[in-house]
C-alpha cells in the first residue's frame, strides 16, 4: 500500500533553481517544462530540502546519530538503495503578475487548473471544475475582486495585467477555486481573503506570455580590488518571483514501514525552508505545505 499526498510551495522570496548557462539575454535562466515552457521546481530539489529538514529535526530531538541516519536513509534512500519516498516535480499553479489596480494578481489558466484537479483527485481532494472557456481578451475574477476598474467612457469593468487591458468578468467557479486554494495555503483568514480577491484566470496563451516575461530577472556584478566592477563580471539571473504558488505529489511506500515507526510523519503540516540557490542573499525562502494523505493499493 502507498500513501499519496500533495505538497505546496509558496515563495516568500525569489527562487532560483537554475537550468545552466543561458543562450539569450538571461545568463542564468530557471528550469522550465520542455513542452509548456512553464517554470517548475524539480522533485530532487524538494527531496533534498526535506532530507536536510529531517536531519535537523533529528539533531534537535537528540536522536542518536546512528538511529537518525538510519531513519533518513530509509525514507530518502542512499546511493545503493532507493528510499520509500517519491517526489514529483512541483508545477506552477499561480504566478504573481503586476496589476494597475491592486498591485498584483495571482494568475492562473484553465490548463493549469485541469492539471491541478487531476493531481488533487489522486489524493482524494476535489477542486471545482472550470467548465467554461476563457477568451483571449477576458479575465475571470472572483466575486470579491478588487483589481478591476471602469473607464468613464465604458461601463464594462477592465483589468490591466502588465501591458494587457482585459475585460473583467466575475465568476462563481473562480471564486470557489480561489477559496479552496487559499484554505490550503493560509491559516490566516485575512490572507485567505486577500488571495481570493487577487485570484484571476486568463487564457492559456496569455498565461504562456506571462510565464515567459513575468519572471524576475536581476543583474549581478562582482567588484574588483579597486572598488569597480570586475571586467566581464556582469550577469543576469532569472528567478521565480515572490508569491509564486506551485504544487507536487509525494508518495510513501507503506509496506516497507518498520513496526512502530511512522515514516510519513515528516510530510505533514507546514515547514519554512530554503529552496534553490543564493541562500545567503535571502533567496529561496519558501513555505512547504503538505495536504491530506490518501492510501492506495
Protein backbone atom coordinates (compact mmCIF):
# COMPACT_ATOMS: atom_id res chain seq x y z
CA UNK A 1 0.00 0.00 0.00
CA UNK A 2 1.17 3.52 -0.83
CA UNK A 3 0.25 6.83 0.77
CA UNK A 4 -0.11 9.79 -1.63
CA UNK A 5 -0.43 13.46 -0.74
CA UNK A 6 0.16 16.85 -2.30
CA UNK A 7 2.83 19.29 -1.25
CA UNK A 8 2.52 23.00 -1.99
CA UNK A 9 5.29 25.58 -2.31
CA UNK A 10 4.59 29.25 -1.55
CA UNK A 11 7.52 31.53 -2.37
CA UNK A 12 8.37 34.17 0.24
CA UNK A 13 11.40 35.37 -1.75
CA UNK A 14 12.74 34.78 -5.29
CA UNK A 15 13.53 31.12 -6.03
CA UNK A 16 16.38 30.29 -8.40
CA UNK A 17 16.73 26.68 -9.49
CA UNK A 18 18.99 27.08 -12.48
CA UNK A 19 18.99 25.38 -15.86
CA UNK A 20 22.66 26.12 -16.52
CA UNK A 21 24.14 28.71 -18.86
CA UNK A 22 21.59 30.52 -20.99
CA UNK A 23 21.97 31.44 -24.66
CA UNK A 24 19.88 34.62 -24.66
CA UNK A 25 19.65 37.82 -22.65
CA UNK A 26 19.41 35.90 -19.36
CA UNK A 27 22.72 34.28 -18.46
CA UNK A 28 21.32 32.01 -15.73
CA UNK A 29 17.71 31.01 -16.53
CA UNK A 30 15.47 28.88 -14.33
CA UNK A 31 14.34 25.37 -15.21
CA UNK A 32 11.18 25.08 -17.31
CA UNK A 33 8.97 22.28 -18.54
CA UNK A 34 10.01 21.12 -22.00
CA UNK A 35 6.51 21.07 -23.51
CA UNK A 36 4.74 24.01 -21.85
CA UNK A 37 7.73 26.22 -21.08
CA UNK A 38 6.31 26.91 -17.61
CA UNK A 39 8.70 27.20 -14.64
CA UNK A 40 8.80 24.33 -12.16
CA UNK A 41 10.81 23.08 -9.19
CA UNK A 42 12.49 19.67 -9.64
CA UNK A 43 11.41 16.94 -7.26
CA UNK A 44 15.09 16.33 -6.48
CA UNK A 45 15.36 19.85 -5.05
CA UNK A 46 12.35 19.32 -2.79
CA UNK A 47 13.61 15.91 -1.71
CA UNK A 48 17.00 17.37 -0.76
CA UNK A 49 15.39 20.17 1.22
CA UNK A 50 13.22 17.75 3.18
CA UNK A 51 16.14 15.42 3.83
CA UNK A 52 18.07 18.29 5.38
CA UNK A 53 14.99 19.24 7.40
CA UNK A 54 14.63 15.66 8.71
CA UNK A 55 18.30 15.57 9.76
CA UNK A 56 17.91 18.92 11.53
CA UNK A 57 14.85 17.67 13.45
CA UNK A 58 16.73 14.52 14.49
CA UNK A 59 19.52 16.67 15.93
CA UNK A 60 17.04 18.92 17.75
CA UNK A 61 15.26 15.93 19.30
CA UNK A 62 18.57 14.48 20.46
CA UNK A 63 18.07 11.31 18.41
CA UNK A 64 21.22 9.16 18.48
CA UNK A 65 23.20 9.89 15.32
CA UNK A 66 23.15 6.31 14.05
CA UNK A 67 19.39 5.96 14.61
CA UNK A 68 18.71 9.31 12.93
CA UNK A 69 20.86 8.41 9.91
CA UNK A 70 19.07 5.08 9.57
CA UNK A 71 15.67 6.84 9.55
CA UNK A 72 16.85 9.36 6.95
CA UNK A 73 18.26 6.67 4.68
CA UNK A 74 15.09 4.57 4.96
CA UNK A 75 12.90 7.45 3.85
CA UNK A 76 15.14 9.21 1.32
CA UNK A 77 17.45 6.39 0.24
CA UNK A 78 21.18 6.04 -0.33
CA UNK A 79 23.37 5.71 -3.41
CA UNK A 80 22.87 1.95 -3.25
CA UNK A 81 19.16 1.76 -2.37
CA UNK A 82 16.06 3.80 -3.14
CA UNK A 83 14.10 5.30 -0.28
CA UNK A 84 10.40 4.82 0.37
CA UNK A 85 9.51 8.44 -0.52
CA UNK A 86 8.97 9.52 -4.13
CA UNK A 87 8.57 13.17 -5.18
CA UNK A 88 7.19 14.58 -8.40
CA UNK A 89 8.25 17.98 -9.67
CA UNK A 90 6.39 20.97 -8.20
CA UNK A 91 4.43 22.52 -11.06
CA UNK A 92 3.19 26.07 -11.34
CA UNK A 93 -0.30 26.89 -10.05
CA UNK A 94 -0.28 30.69 -9.75
CA UNK A 95 2.17 33.29 -11.00
CA UNK A 96 2.09 36.81 -9.49
CA UNK A 97 1.67 39.40 -12.24
CA UNK A 98 1.71 43.19 -11.86
CA UNK A 99 -1.73 44.82 -11.92
CA UNK A 100 -2.52 48.51 -12.42
CA UNK A 101 -5.10 48.29 -9.62
CA UNK A 102 -4.31 46.25 -6.53
CA UNK A 103 -0.54 45.95 -7.18
CA UNK A 104 -0.51 42.32 -8.33
CA UNK A 105 -2.73 39.35 -9.13
CA UNK A 106 -2.36 35.60 -8.61
CA UNK A 107 -2.71 34.48 -12.23
CA UNK A 108 -3.53 31.00 -13.49
CA UNK A 109 -5.18 29.48 -16.58
CA UNK A 110 -7.67 26.68 -17.43
CA UNK A 111 -4.98 24.17 -18.42
CA UNK A 112 -3.18 24.58 -15.11
CA UNK A 113 -6.46 24.17 -13.22
CA UNK A 114 -7.22 20.97 -15.15
CA UNK A 115 -3.84 19.53 -14.20
CA UNK A 116 -4.33 20.64 -10.60
CA UNK A 117 -7.75 18.96 -10.38
CA UNK A 118 -6.28 15.74 -11.79
CA UNK A 119 -3.41 15.70 -9.28
CA UNK A 120 -5.65 16.59 -6.35
CA UNK A 121 -8.06 13.79 -7.27
CA UNK A 122 -5.25 11.29 -6.69
CA UNK A 123 -5.21 12.37 -3.04
CA UNK A 124 -9.00 12.29 -2.69
CA UNK A 125 -9.42 16.08 -2.71
CA UNK A 126 -11.75 17.73 -5.23
CA UNK A 127 -11.22 21.13 -6.85
CA UNK A 128 -14.21 22.83 -8.53
CA UNK A 129 -14.03 22.39 -12.31
CA UNK A 130 -13.89 25.42 -14.59
CA UNK A 131 -16.18 24.18 -17.35
CA UNK A 132 -16.17 27.31 -19.50
CA UNK A 133 -13.57 28.71 -21.86
CA UNK A 134 -11.76 31.99 -21.29
CA UNK A 135 -11.50 34.34 -24.26
CA UNK A 136 -8.11 35.87 -25.06
CA UNK A 137 -9.33 39.39 -24.24
CA UNK A 138 -11.06 38.46 -20.98
CA UNK A 139 -10.09 37.57 -17.43
CA UNK A 140 -12.22 35.71 -14.89
CA UNK A 141 -12.06 37.17 -11.39
CA UNK A 142 -13.59 36.31 -8.04
CA UNK A 143 -16.80 37.97 -6.91
CA UNK A 144 -14.83 39.94 -4.31
CA UNK A 145 -12.07 41.06 -6.69
CA UNK A 146 -10.52 44.48 -6.06
CA UNK A 147 -8.43 44.52 -9.25
CA UNK A 148 -10.93 45.73 -11.86
CA UNK A 149 -11.91 49.31 -12.71
CA UNK A 150 -14.15 51.09 -15.22
CA UNK A 151 -13.38 53.80 -17.76
CA UNK A 152 -15.76 56.79 -17.82
CA UNK A 153 -16.49 56.04 -21.48
CA UNK A 154 -17.04 52.29 -20.95
CA UNK A 155 -19.06 50.86 -18.05
CA UNK A 156 -17.67 47.33 -18.56
CA UNK A 157 -15.01 46.53 -15.90
CA UNK A 158 -11.43 46.19 -17.13
CA UNK A 159 -8.25 44.84 -15.59
CA UNK A 160 -4.66 45.67 -16.51
CA UNK A 161 -2.07 42.87 -16.19
CA UNK A 162 1.37 44.05 -17.27
CA UNK A 163 0.58 45.83 -20.57
CA UNK A 164 -2.65 43.97 -21.32
CA UNK A 165 -6.06 45.55 -20.83
CA UNK A 166 -8.57 42.73 -20.34
CA UNK A 167 -12.33 42.71 -19.90
CA UNK A 168 -13.08 41.57 -16.37
CA UNK A 169 -15.86 39.11 -15.57
CA UNK A 170 -16.94 37.87 -12.15
CA UNK A 171 -17.18 34.09 -11.92
CA UNK A 172 -18.59 31.90 -9.13
CA UNK A 173 -16.36 28.94 -10.03
CA UNK A 174 -13.26 31.15 -9.99
CA UNK A 175 -14.28 32.31 -6.53
CA UNK A 176 -14.70 28.71 -5.34
CA UNK A 177 -11.35 27.59 -6.77
CA UNK A 178 -9.55 30.58 -5.27
CA UNK A 179 -11.15 29.93 -1.87
CA UNK A 180 -10.19 26.23 -1.98
CA UNK A 181 -6.54 27.00 -2.78
CA UNK A 182 -6.44 29.78 -0.18
CA UNK A 183 -7.68 27.39 2.52
CA UNK A 184 -4.73 25.10 1.75
CA UNK A 185 -2.10 27.85 1.62
CA UNK A 186 -3.04 30.09 4.54
CA UNK A 187 -4.11 29.65 8.14
CA UNK A 188 -4.97 33.33 8.49
CA UNK A 189 -8.42 34.34 7.25
CA UNK A 190 -7.23 37.80 6.16
CA UNK A 191 -4.62 36.25 3.86
CA UNK A 192 -7.17 33.79 2.54
CA UNK A 193 -9.45 36.65 1.56
CA UNK A 194 -6.52 38.58 0.07
CA UNK A 195 -5.68 35.60 -2.13
CA UNK A 196 -9.29 35.21 -3.30
CA UNK A 197 -9.52 38.94 -4.05
CA UNK A 198 -6.41 38.73 -6.27
CA UNK A 199 -7.08 35.34 -7.89
CA UNK A 200 -7.70 35.53 -11.66
CA UNK A 201 -7.92 33.12 -14.61
CA UNK A 202 -6.66 34.11 -18.07
CA UNK A 203 -6.47 32.39 -21.45
CA UNK A 204 -3.82 29.64 -21.74
CA UNK A 205 -1.89 31.55 -24.39
CA UNK A 206 -1.80 34.74 -22.36
CA UNK A 207 -0.54 32.80 -19.36
CA UNK A 208 2.20 31.45 -21.62
CA UNK A 209 3.32 35.04 -22.22
CA UNK A 210 3.25 35.87 -18.52
CA UNK A 211 5.30 32.77 -17.66
CA UNK A 212 7.97 33.82 -20.17
CA UNK A 213 8.07 37.55 -19.45
CA UNK A 214 6.71 37.82 -15.89
CA UNK A 215 9.56 36.16 -14.01
CA UNK A 216 12.10 38.16 -12.01
CA UNK A 217 15.43 38.97 -13.70
CA UNK A 218 18.17 40.57 -11.61
CA UNK A 219 21.53 41.99 -12.66
CA UNK A 220 24.54 40.83 -10.64
CA UNK A 221 28.10 42.14 -10.55
CA UNK A 222 31.40 41.21 -8.94
CA UNK A 223 33.50 44.03 -7.51
CA UNK A 224 37.20 44.21 -8.30
CA UNK A 225 40.01 45.14 -5.92
CA UNK A 226 39.80 48.81 -6.93
CA UNK A 227 36.11 49.10 -5.98
CA UNK A 228 34.75 48.99 -9.53
CA UNK A 229 33.03 46.20 -11.44
CA UNK A 230 35.48 43.50 -12.47
CA UNK A 231 35.97 43.01 -16.20
CA UNK A 232 33.23 40.78 -17.62
CA UNK A 233 31.64 40.31 -14.19
CA UNK A 234 28.09 41.37 -15.09
CA UNK A 235 25.41 38.73 -15.48
CA UNK A 236 21.63 38.41 -15.39
CA UNK A 237 19.88 35.78 -13.29
CA UNK A 238 16.26 34.66 -13.54
CA UNK A 239 14.10 33.63 -10.57
CA UNK A 240 10.54 32.69 -9.77
CA UNK A 241 9.09 35.84 -8.18
CA UNK A 242 7.87 36.00 -4.57
CA UNK A 243 4.22 34.96 -4.09
CA UNK A 244 4.52 32.17 -6.70
CA UNK A 245 2.49 29.05 -5.92
CA UNK A 246 3.44 25.52 -7.02
CA UNK A 247 2.21 22.02 -6.23
CA UNK A 248 3.57 18.48 -6.50
CA UNK A 249 2.89 14.96 -5.25
CA UNK A 250 4.77 12.84 -2.73
CA UNK A 251 4.14 9.14 -2.22
CA UNK A 252 5.39 6.95 0.63
CA UNK A 253 5.68 3.20 0.16
CA UNK A 254 3.91 1.94 3.29
CA UNK A 255 4.69 -1.80 3.18
CA UNK A 256 8.35 -1.08 3.96
CA UNK A 257 7.47 0.79 7.14
CA UNK A 258 9.05 -0.75 10.23
CA UNK A 259 6.68 -1.57 13.07
CA UNK A 260 6.17 1.36 15.41
CA UNK A 261 7.88 3.86 13.13
CA UNK A 262 5.64 6.39 11.35
CA UNK A 263 7.78 7.30 8.37
CA UNK A 264 5.11 9.55 6.84
CA UNK A 265 5.34 11.90 9.82
CA UNK A 266 7.77 14.45 8.29
CA UNK A 267 5.37 15.05 5.43
CA UNK A 268 2.67 16.87 7.33
CA UNK A 269 1.91 20.39 8.45
CA UNK A 270 3.97 23.38 7.34
CA UNK A 271 7.70 23.88 7.00
CA UNK A 272 9.51 27.16 6.29
CA UNK A 273 12.65 26.27 4.37
CA UNK A 274 15.09 27.39 1.68
CA UNK A 275 14.92 26.11 -1.92
CA UNK A 276 17.43 26.69 -4.71
CA UNK A 277 20.50 28.88 -4.96
CA UNK A 278 21.74 32.09 -3.35
CA UNK A 279 20.60 31.30 0.22
CA UNK A 280 22.93 33.86 1.83
CA UNK A 281 21.22 36.69 -0.06
CA UNK A 282 17.76 35.66 1.13
CA UNK A 283 16.66 33.83 -1.99
CA UNK A 284 14.59 30.67 -1.88
CA UNK A 285 12.72 31.33 1.38
CA UNK A 286 9.55 29.28 0.98
CA UNK A 287 6.68 27.68 2.82
CA UNK A 288 6.07 23.96 2.22
CA UNK A 289 2.52 22.85 2.97
CA UNK A 290 1.52 19.18 2.98
CA UNK A 291 -2.01 18.12 2.11
CA UNK A 292 -4.06 15.22 3.48
CA UNK A 293 -2.91 11.66 2.83
CA UNK A 294 -4.73 9.01 0.83
CA UNK A 295 -3.86 5.31 0.93
CA UNK A 296 -3.95 3.47 -2.41
CA UNK A 297 -3.23 -0.13 -3.33
